[in-house]
C-alpha atoms as a PDB file:
ATOM      1  CA  MET A   1     119.675  80.135  64.316  1.00  0.00           C
ATOM      2  CA  GLN A   2     123.467  80.225  64.362  1.00  0.00           C
ATOM      3  CA  ASN A   3     123.621  84.009  63.915  1.00  0.00           C
ATOM      4  CA  LEU A   4     120.911  85.002  66.377  1.00  0.00           C
ATOM      5  CA  PHE A   5     123.265  87.187  68.401  1.00  0.00           C
ATOM      6  CA  SER A   6     125.350  88.594  65.567  1.00  0.00           C
ATOM      7  CA  LEU A   7     125.488  92.370  65.135  1.00  0.00           C
ATOM      8  CA  GLU A   8     127.429  92.223  61.899  1.00  0.00           C
ATOM      9  CA  GLY A   9     126.957  95.301  59.749  1.00  0.00           C
ATOM     10  CA  ARG A  10     124.996  97.250  62.340  1.00  0.00           C
ATOM     11  CA  VAL A  11     125.606 100.846  63.400  1.00  0.00           C
ATOM     12  CA  ALA A  12     124.945 101.784  67.025  1.00  0.00           C
ATOM     13  CA  VAL A  13     124.937 104.834  69.270  1.00  0.00           C
ATOM     14  CA  VAL A  14     125.530 104.441  73.014  1.00  0.00           C
ATOM     15  CA  THR A  15     125.042 107.533  75.169  1.00  0.00           C
ATOM     16  CA  GLY A  16     127.070 107.743  78.335  1.00  0.00           C
ATOM     17  CA  GLY A  17     129.434 105.344  76.614  1.00  0.00           C
ATOM     18  CA  SER A  18     132.733 106.511  78.050  1.00  0.00           C
ATOM     19  CA  ARG A  19     132.531 104.452  81.235  1.00  0.00           C
ATOM     20  CA  GLY A  20     130.593 101.961  83.314  1.00  0.00           C
ATOM     21  CA  ILE A  21     127.559 100.291  81.788  1.00  0.00           C
ATOM     22  CA  GLY A  22     127.760 102.293  78.560  1.00  0.00           C
ATOM     23  CA  ALA A  23     131.347 101.218  77.882  1.00  0.00           C
ATOM     24  CA  MET A  24     130.449  97.601  78.681  1.00  0.00           C
ATOM     25  CA  ILE A  25     127.645  97.700  76.110  1.00  0.00           C
ATOM     26  CA  ALA A  26     129.765  99.404  73.441  1.00  0.00           C
ATOM     27  CA  LYS A  27     132.505  96.816  73.880  1.00  0.00           C
ATOM     28  CA  GLY A  28     129.961  94.000  73.623  1.00  0.00           C
ATOM     29  CA  PHE A  29     128.478  95.405  70.418  1.00  0.00           C
ATOM     30  CA  LEU A  30     131.903  95.690  68.790  1.00  0.00           C
ATOM     31  CA  THR A  31     132.925  92.228  69.909  1.00  0.00           C
ATOM     32  CA  TYR A  32     129.790  90.788  68.314  1.00  0.00           C
ATOM     33  CA  GLY A  33     130.464  92.373  64.961  1.00  0.00           C
ATOM     34  CA  ALA A  34     128.917  95.849  64.967  1.00  0.00           C
ATOM     35  CA  LYS A  35     130.115  97.794  61.944  1.00  0.00           C
ATOM     36  CA  ARG A  36     130.497 101.001  63.930  1.00  0.00           C
ATOM     37  CA  VAL A  37     129.665 102.229  67.444  1.00  0.00           C
ATOM     38  CA  TYR A  38     129.398 105.902  68.375  1.00  0.00           C
ATOM     39  CA  ILE A  39     129.801 106.778  72.034  1.00  0.00           C
ATOM     40  CA  THR A  40     128.991 110.079  73.629  1.00  0.00           C
ATOM     41  CA  ALA A  41     129.755 111.594  77.021  1.00  0.00           C
ATOM     42  CA  ARG A  42     129.981 115.043  78.521  1.00  0.00           C
ATOM     43  CA  LYS A  43     133.745 114.887  79.167  1.00  0.00           C
ATOM     44  CA  ALA A  44     135.543 114.930  75.833  1.00  0.00           C
ATOM     45  CA  SER A  45     138.846 113.555  77.118  1.00  0.00           C
ATOM     46  CA  ALA A  46     137.182 110.525  78.725  1.00  0.00           C
ATOM     47  CA  CYS A  47     135.014 109.896  75.667  1.00  0.00           C
ATOM     48  CA  ASP A  48     138.002 110.094  73.322  1.00  0.00           C
ATOM     49  CA  ALA A  49     140.113 107.809  75.517  1.00  0.00           C
ATOM     50  CA  THR A  50     137.394 105.150  75.730  1.00  0.00           C
ATOM     51  CA  ALA A  51     136.775 105.238  71.974  1.00  0.00           C
ATOM     52  CA  GLU A  52     140.487 104.765  71.370  1.00  0.00           C
ATOM     53  CA  ALA A  53     140.629 101.827  73.799  1.00  0.00           C
ATOM     54  CA  LEU A  54     137.523 100.167  72.346  1.00  0.00           C
ATOM     55  CA  SER A  55     138.851 100.518  68.793  1.00  0.00           C
ATOM     56  CA  GLU A  56     140.818  97.367  69.551  1.00  0.00           C
ATOM     57  CA  PHE A  57     137.510  95.515  69.078  1.00  0.00           C
ATOM     58  CA  GLY A  58     136.114  97.459  66.100  1.00  0.00           C
ATOM     59  CA  GLU A  59     135.394 100.970  64.872  1.00  0.00           C
ATOM     60  CA  CYS A  60     134.431 103.166  67.816  1.00  0.00           C
ATOM     61  CA  ILE A  61     133.899 106.889  67.328  1.00  0.00           C
ATOM     62  CA  SER A  62     133.794 109.533  70.064  1.00  0.00           C
ATOM     63  CA  LEU A  63     131.139 112.249  69.843  1.00  0.00           C
ATOM     64  CA  PRO A  64     131.428 114.119  73.136  1.00  0.00           C
ATOM     65  CA  GLY A  65     128.756 116.568  74.224  1.00  0.00           C
ATOM     66  CA  ASP A  66     126.225 117.470  76.876  1.00  0.00           C
ATOM     67  CA  ILE A  67     122.862 115.905  76.017  1.00  0.00           C
ATOM     68  CA  SER A  68     121.101 117.114  79.142  1.00  0.00           C
ATOM     69  CA  THR A  69     119.710 120.041  77.116  1.00  0.00           C
ATOM     70  CA  MET A  70     117.655 120.178  73.931  1.00  0.00           C
ATOM     71  CA  GLU A  71     120.495 122.037  72.245  1.00  0.00           C
ATOM     72  CA  GLY A  72     122.878 119.218  73.108  1.00  0.00           C
ATOM     73  CA  ILE A  73     120.407 116.546  71.996  1.00  0.00           C
ATOM     74  CA  GLU A  74     119.822 118.231  68.644  1.00  0.00           C
ATOM     75  CA  GLY A  75     123.548 118.805  68.195  1.00  0.00           C
ATOM     76  CA  LEU A  76     124.390 115.154  68.758  1.00  0.00           C
ATOM     77  CA  ALA A  77     121.625 114.005  66.433  1.00  0.00           C
ATOM     78  CA  LYS A  78     122.852 116.376  63.712  1.00  0.00           C
ATOM     79  CA  ARG A  79     126.399 115.029  63.949  1.00  0.00           C
ATOM     80  CA  ILE A  80     125.187 111.441  63.715  1.00  0.00           C
ATOM     81  CA  ILE A  81     122.872 112.144  60.782  1.00  0.00           C
ATOM     82  CA  GLU A  82     125.743 113.876  58.949  1.00  0.00           C
ATOM     83  CA  ARG A  83     127.690 110.621  59.210  1.00  0.00           C
ATOM     84  CA  GLU A  84     125.002 107.937  58.899  1.00  0.00           C
ATOM     85  CA  ASP A  85     121.932 107.524  56.697  1.00  0.00           C
ATOM     86  CA  LYS A  86     120.837 104.552  58.799  1.00  0.00           C
ATOM     87  CA  LEU A  87     121.053 103.830  62.530  1.00  0.00           C
ATOM     88  CA  ASP A  88     120.315 100.282  63.650  1.00  0.00           C
ATOM     89  CA  ILE A  89     120.647 100.618  67.423  1.00  0.00           C
ATOM     90  CA  LEU A  90     120.238 103.475  69.913  1.00  0.00           C
ATOM     91  CA  VAL A  91     121.113 102.813  73.544  1.00  0.00           C
ATOM     92  CA  ASN A  92     119.841 105.549  75.865  1.00  0.00           C
ATOM     93  CA  ASN A  93     122.247 104.985  78.733  1.00  0.00           C
ATOM     94  CA  ALA A  94     123.316 108.472  79.858  1.00  0.00           C
ATOM     95  CA  GLY A  95     121.841 109.198  83.255  1.00  0.00           C
ATOM     96  CA  ALA A  96     122.238 110.954  86.573  1.00  0.00           C
ATOM     97  CA  ALA A  97     121.579 110.274  90.238  1.00  0.00           C
ATOM     98  CA  TRP A  98     121.226 112.585  93.220  1.00  0.00           C
ATOM     99  CA  GLY A  99     120.855 111.712  96.862  1.00  0.00           C
ATOM    100  CA  ALA A 100     119.859 113.991  99.736  1.00  0.00           C
ATOM    101  CA  ALA A 101     117.717 113.905 102.850  1.00  0.00           C
ATOM    102  CA  PHE A 102     114.000 114.492 102.254  1.00  0.00           C
ATOM    103  CA  ASP A 103     113.922 117.798 104.159  1.00  0.00           C
ATOM    104  CA  GLU A 104     116.899 119.160 102.241  1.00  0.00           C
ATOM    105  CA  PHE A 105     116.452 117.768  98.728  1.00  0.00           C
ATOM    106  CA  PRO A 106     117.245 120.553  96.207  1.00  0.00           C
ATOM    107  CA  GLU A 107     115.239 121.389  93.126  1.00  0.00           C
ATOM    108  CA  SER A 108     118.441 121.506  91.082  1.00  0.00           C
ATOM    109  CA  GLY A 109     119.182 117.868  91.878  1.00  0.00           C
ATOM    110  CA  TRP A 110     115.630 116.876  91.021  1.00  0.00           C
ATOM    111  CA  ASP A 111     115.637 118.681  87.661  1.00  0.00           C
ATOM    112  CA  LYS A 112     119.063 117.404  86.615  1.00  0.00           C
ATOM    113  CA  THR A 113     118.134 113.802  87.367  1.00  0.00           C
ATOM    114  CA  VAL A 114     114.674 113.765  85.834  1.00  0.00           C
ATOM    115  CA  ASP A 115     115.695 115.665  82.702  1.00  0.00           C
ATOM    116  CA  LEU A 116     118.630 113.408  81.845  1.00  0.00           C
ATOM    117  CA  ASN A 117     116.940 110.144  82.856  1.00  0.00           C
ATOM    118  CA  MET A 118     113.562 110.730  81.182  1.00  0.00           C
ATOM    119  CA  LYS A 119     113.562 113.747  78.901  1.00  0.00           C
ATOM    120  CA  THR A 120     116.806 113.000  77.082  1.00  0.00           C
ATOM    121  CA  PRO A 121     115.943 109.405  76.027  1.00  0.00           C
ATOM    122  CA  PHE A 122     112.623 110.553  74.576  1.00  0.00           C
ATOM    123  CA  PHE A 123     113.872 113.560  72.655  1.00  0.00           C
ATOM    124  CA  LEU A 124     117.081 111.904  71.449  1.00  0.00           C
ATOM    125  CA  THR A 125     115.036 109.024  70.052  1.00  0.00           C
ATOM    126  CA  GLN A 126     112.732 111.568  68.426  1.00  0.00           C
ATOM    127  CA  ALA A 127     115.699 113.452  66.928  1.00  0.00           C
ATOM    128  CA  LEU A 128     117.174 110.230  65.496  1.00  0.00           C
ATOM    129  CA  ILE A 129     113.939 108.676  64.291  1.00  0.00           C
ATOM    130  CA  ALA A 130     114.712 109.251  60.588  1.00  0.00           C
ATOM    131  CA  PRO A 131     117.900 107.114  60.476  1.00  0.00           C
ATOM    132  CA  LEU A 132     116.275 104.577  62.820  1.00  0.00           C
ATOM    133  CA  ARG A 133     113.320 104.227  60.443  1.00  0.00           C
ATOM    134  CA  ALA A 134     115.662 104.007  57.471  1.00  0.00           C
ATOM    135  CA  ALA A 135     117.568 101.108  59.030  1.00  0.00           C
ATOM    136  CA  ALA A 136     114.297  99.420  59.988  1.00  0.00           C
ATOM    137  CA  GLN A 137     113.448  99.009  56.317  1.00  0.00           C
ATOM    138  CA  ASP A 138     115.937  96.117  56.246  1.00  0.00           C
ATOM    139  CA  ARG A 139     115.607  94.615  59.753  1.00  0.00           C
ATOM    140  CA  VAL A 140     114.093  95.428  63.105  1.00  0.00           C
ATOM    141  CA  GLY A 141     115.551  98.637  64.505  1.00  0.00           C
ATOM    142  CA  LYS A 142     116.361  98.819  68.201  1.00  0.00           C
ATOM    143  CA  VAL A 143     116.018 101.422  70.938  1.00  0.00           C
ATOM    144  CA  ILE A 144     117.244 100.199  74.321  1.00  0.00           C
ATOM    145  CA  ASN A 145     116.606 102.347  77.402  1.00  0.00           C
ATOM    146  CA  ILE A 146     118.850 101.722  80.395  1.00  0.00           C
ATOM    147  CA  CYS A 147     116.611 101.894  83.436  1.00  0.00           C
ATOM    148  CA  SER A 148     117.285 100.522  86.932  1.00  0.00           C
ATOM    149  CA  ILE A 149     115.925  98.070  89.465  1.00  0.00           C
ATOM    150  CA  ASP A 150     115.309 101.173  91.587  1.00  0.00           C
ATOM    151  CA  GLY A 151     112.521 101.961  89.147  1.00  0.00           C
ATOM    152  CA  GLN A 152     111.007  98.514  89.765  1.00  0.00           C
ATOM    153  CA  SER A 153     111.345  98.298  93.545  1.00  0.00           C
ATOM    154  CA  VAL A 154     112.141 100.730  96.342  1.00  0.00           C
ATOM    155  CA  THR A 155     115.632 101.253  97.698  1.00  0.00           C
ATOM    156  CA  LYS A 156     116.392 102.563 101.186  1.00  0.00           C
ATOM    157  CA  ASP A 157     118.572 105.306  99.715  1.00  0.00           C
ATOM    158  CA  GLU A 158     117.077 108.795  99.579  1.00  0.00           C
ATOM    159  CA  THR A 159     117.447 109.180  95.817  1.00  0.00           C
ATOM    160  CA  TYR A 160     113.872 110.324  95.181  1.00  0.00           C
ATOM    161  CA  PRO A 161     114.046 111.566  91.578  1.00  0.00           C
ATOM    162  CA  TYR A 162     116.325 108.724  90.506  1.00  0.00           C
ATOM    163  CA  GLY A 163     113.886 105.925  91.331  1.00  0.00           C
ATOM    164  CA  ALA A 164     110.933 107.977  90.120  1.00  0.00           C
ATOM    165  CA  SER A 165     112.593 108.848  86.805  1.00  0.00           C
ATOM    166  CA  LYS A 166     113.679 105.272  86.167  1.00  0.00           C
ATOM    167  CA  ALA A 167     110.147 104.059  86.884  1.00  0.00           C
ATOM    168  CA  GLY A 168     108.923 106.679  84.444  1.00  0.00           C
ATOM    169  CA  LEU A 169     111.446 105.515  81.856  1.00  0.00           C
ATOM    170  CA  LEU A 170     110.205 101.941  82.213  1.00  0.00           C
ATOM    171  CA  HIS A 171     106.664 103.118  81.551  1.00  0.00           C
ATOM    172  CA  MET A 172     107.771 105.357  78.692  1.00  0.00           C
ATOM    173  CA  THR A 173     109.558 102.367  77.153  1.00  0.00           C
ATOM    174  CA  LYS A 174     106.223 100.556  76.933  1.00  0.00           C
ATOM    175  CA  ARG A 175     104.469 103.534  75.372  1.00  0.00           C
ATOM    176  CA  MET A 176     107.248 104.187  72.874  1.00  0.00           C
ATOM    177  CA  ALA A 177     107.280 100.499  71.969  1.00  0.00           C
ATOM    178  CA  LEU A 178     103.599 100.570  71.060  1.00  0.00           C
ATOM    179  CA  ARG A 179     104.081 103.595  68.821  1.00  0.00           C
ATOM    180  CA  LEU A 180     107.299 102.535  67.094  1.00  0.00           C
ATOM    181  CA  ALA A 181     106.375  98.885  66.523  1.00  0.00           C
ATOM    182  CA  SER A 182     104.557  99.974  63.365  1.00  0.00           C
ATOM    183  CA  ASP A 183     107.867 101.428  62.127  1.00  0.00           C
ATOM    184  CA  ASN A 184     109.551  98.038  62.656  1.00  0.00           C
ATOM    185  CA  ILE A 185     111.458  99.442  65.649  1.00  0.00           C
ATOM    186  CA  ALA A 186     111.550  97.455  68.892  1.00  0.00           C
ATOM    187  CA  VAL A 187     111.876  99.574  72.037  1.00  0.00           C
ATOM    188  CA  SER A 188     112.980  97.701  75.147  1.00  0.00           C
ATOM    189  CA  ALA A 189     114.814  98.274  78.410  1.00  0.00           C
ATOM    190  CA  ILE A 190     117.465  96.893  80.719  1.00  0.00           C
ATOM    191  CA  ALA A 191     117.075  97.283  84.487  1.00  0.00           C
ATOM    192  CA  PRO A 192     120.539  96.822  86.021  1.00  0.00           C
ATOM    193  CA  GLY A 193     121.362  96.161  89.633  1.00  0.00           C
ATOM    194  CA  ALA A 194     124.835  96.695  91.097  1.00  0.00           C
ATOM    195  CA  PHE A 195     127.564  97.240  88.510  1.00  0.00           C
ATOM    196  CA  ALA A 196     130.899  98.970  88.995  1.00  0.00           C
ATOM    197  CA  SER A 197     130.658 102.540  87.701  1.00  0.00           C
ATOM    198  CA  ASP A 198     131.260 106.131  88.674  1.00  0.00           C
ATOM    199  CA  MET A 199     127.532 106.421  89.345  1.00  0.00           C
ATOM    200  CA  ASN A 200     127.591 103.384  91.635  1.00  0.00           C
ATOM    201  CA  LYS A 201     130.849 104.009  93.452  1.00  0.00           C
ATOM    202  CA  VAL A 202     129.778 101.806  96.357  1.00  0.00           C
ATOM    203  CA  ALA A 203     129.591  98.762  94.082  1.00  0.00           C
ATOM    204  CA  ARG A 204     132.805  99.798  92.349  1.00  0.00           C
ATOM    205  CA  ASP A 205     134.852 100.426  95.480  1.00  0.00           C
ATOM    206  CA  HIS A 206     133.264  97.955  97.916  1.00  0.00           C
ATOM    207  CA  ALA A 207     132.213  95.060  95.711  1.00  0.00           C
ATOM    208  CA  ASP A 208     132.710  92.388  98.379  1.00  0.00           C
ATOM    209  CA  ALA A 209     130.534  94.188 100.911  1.00  0.00           C
ATOM    210  CA  VAL A 210     127.801  94.907  98.361  1.00  0.00           C
ATOM    211  CA  ALA A 211     127.874  91.297  97.170  1.00  0.00           C
ATOM    212  CA  LYS A 212     126.684  90.090 100.588  1.00  0.00           C
ATOM    213  CA  ALA A 213     123.205  91.461  99.849  1.00  0.00           C
ATOM    214  CA  ILE A 214     123.066  89.954  96.352  1.00  0.00           C
ATOM    215  CA  PRO A 215     121.684  86.408  95.986  1.00  0.00           C
ATOM    216  CA  ALA A 216     124.166  85.705  93.166  1.00  0.00           C
ATOM    217  CA  GLY A 217     126.975  86.532  95.597  1.00  0.00           C
ATOM    218  CA  ARG A 218     128.682  89.143  93.403  1.00  0.00           C
ATOM    219  CA  ILE A 219     128.136  92.410  91.587  1.00  0.00           C
ATOM    220  CA  GLY A 220     127.483  92.405  87.838  1.00  0.00           C
ATOM    221  CA  SER A 221     130.326  91.963  85.355  1.00  0.00           C
ATOM    222  CA  GLU A 222     130.830  93.505  81.929  1.00  0.00           C
ATOM    223  CA  GLU A 223     129.809  90.177  80.371  1.00  0.00           C
ATOM    224  CA  ASP A 224     126.501  90.264  82.265  1.00  0.00           C
ATOM    225  CA  MET A 225     125.633  93.710  80.957  1.00  0.00           C
ATOM    226  CA  ALA A 226     126.975  93.184  77.447  1.00  0.00           C
ATOM    227  CA  GLY A 227     125.078  89.898  77.183  1.00  0.00           C
ATOM    228  CA  ALA A 228     121.721  91.514  77.946  1.00  0.00           C
ATOM    229  CA  ALA A 229     122.355  94.367  75.520  1.00  0.00           C
ATOM    230  CA  ILE A 230     123.552  92.075  72.722  1.00  0.00           C
ATOM    231  CA  TYR A 231     120.445  89.931  73.176  1.00  0.00           C
ATOM    232  CA  LEU A 232     118.095  92.887  72.816  1.00  0.00           C
ATOM    233  CA  ALA A 233     120.077  94.510  69.994  1.00  0.00           C
ATOM    234  CA  SER A 234     120.390  91.364  67.879  1.00  0.00           C
ATOM    235  CA  ARG A 235     117.901  89.182  65.990  1.00  0.00           C
ATOM    236  CA  ALA A 236     117.450  87.255  69.232  1.00  0.00           C
ATOM    237  CA  GLY A 237     115.615  90.224  70.759  1.00  0.00           C
ATOM    238  CA  ASP A 238     113.409  91.212  67.820  1.00  0.00           C
ATOM    239  CA  TYR A 239     110.208  90.117  69.550  1.00  0.00           C
ATOM    240  CA  VAL A 240     110.893  91.968  72.808  1.00  0.00           C
ATOM    241  CA  MET A 241     108.834  95.154  72.602  1.00  0.00           C
ATOM    242  CA  GLY A 242     108.239  97.249  75.695  1.00  0.00           C
ATOM    243  CA  GLY A 243     109.726  94.682  78.061  1.00  0.00           C
ATOM    244  CA  ALA A 244     112.598  95.118  80.498  1.00  0.00           C
ATOM    245  CA  VAL A 245     115.388  92.615  81.120  1.00  0.00           C
ATOM    246  CA  THR A 246     116.322  92.755  84.802  1.00  0.00           C
ATOM    247  CA  VAL A 247     120.034  92.097  85.347  1.00  0.00           C
ATOM    248  CA  ASP A 248     120.608  92.260  89.076  1.00  0.00           C
ATOM    249  CA  GLY A 249     121.666  88.874  90.453  1.00  0.00           C
ATOM    250  CA  GLY A 250     118.314  88.497  92.206  1.00  0.00           C
ATOM    251  CA  VAL A 251     118.381  91.684  94.277  1.00  0.00           C
ATOM    252  CA  SER A 252     114.877  92.769  93.288  1.00  0.00           C
ATOM    253  CA  PHE A 253     113.380  89.612  94.743  1.00  0.00           C
ATOM    254  CA  ALA A 254     115.471  89.826  97.900  1.00  0.00           C
ATOM    255  CA  ARG A 255     114.457  93.383  98.784  1.00  0.00           C
END
């Protein structure tokens, strides 16, 4: 049991990996021995800079692109498949949020959020299923969907499609897990609470104020997020199929 959390020799892809939760996960994977981690993000300069910084911990490769469209999804998958015959771990982390008053909520905000949060994880997993299945011939393959506690319980914020899409992603995780278990691929999820990121600028910029509503008394750290992802990605998480690890310092129970 000494190597339960080792990721030695494994190849991973982390979408939305240039910052926030995605960068925390990529760093954790490299620190725990991943052979290679690909990160993708819409902004090429940010993606390249993060890959360069994370290369201190292991081989990190930047594959920038917009995966909010089918063209972008297929393009990313093609670039990965050109480089790798096998893919051990896919982390579907890229996401979007949009807040607006009920009477004024725009269709554009709804479509952007739902497409990236639900459609992209499904179709990117579909596009990469061949290298995932190939890797799963040797050990359990992993697909980890990054959801949110807002998909588990209701926030006061008027972010209608965000909570709905994350709830949908939690359900889709269960359905995908049932289908892909026969391919020796474990599909699971992480439901984060408050972590510092560009998406959660309130937690990033006002951590002390946010922490007052968190039973743990603080926002999440990079170790908290990396630890959950390493658990699910490693041998330790092989028997977690369809489940979600909630990493929120107790917020869900306090709501």
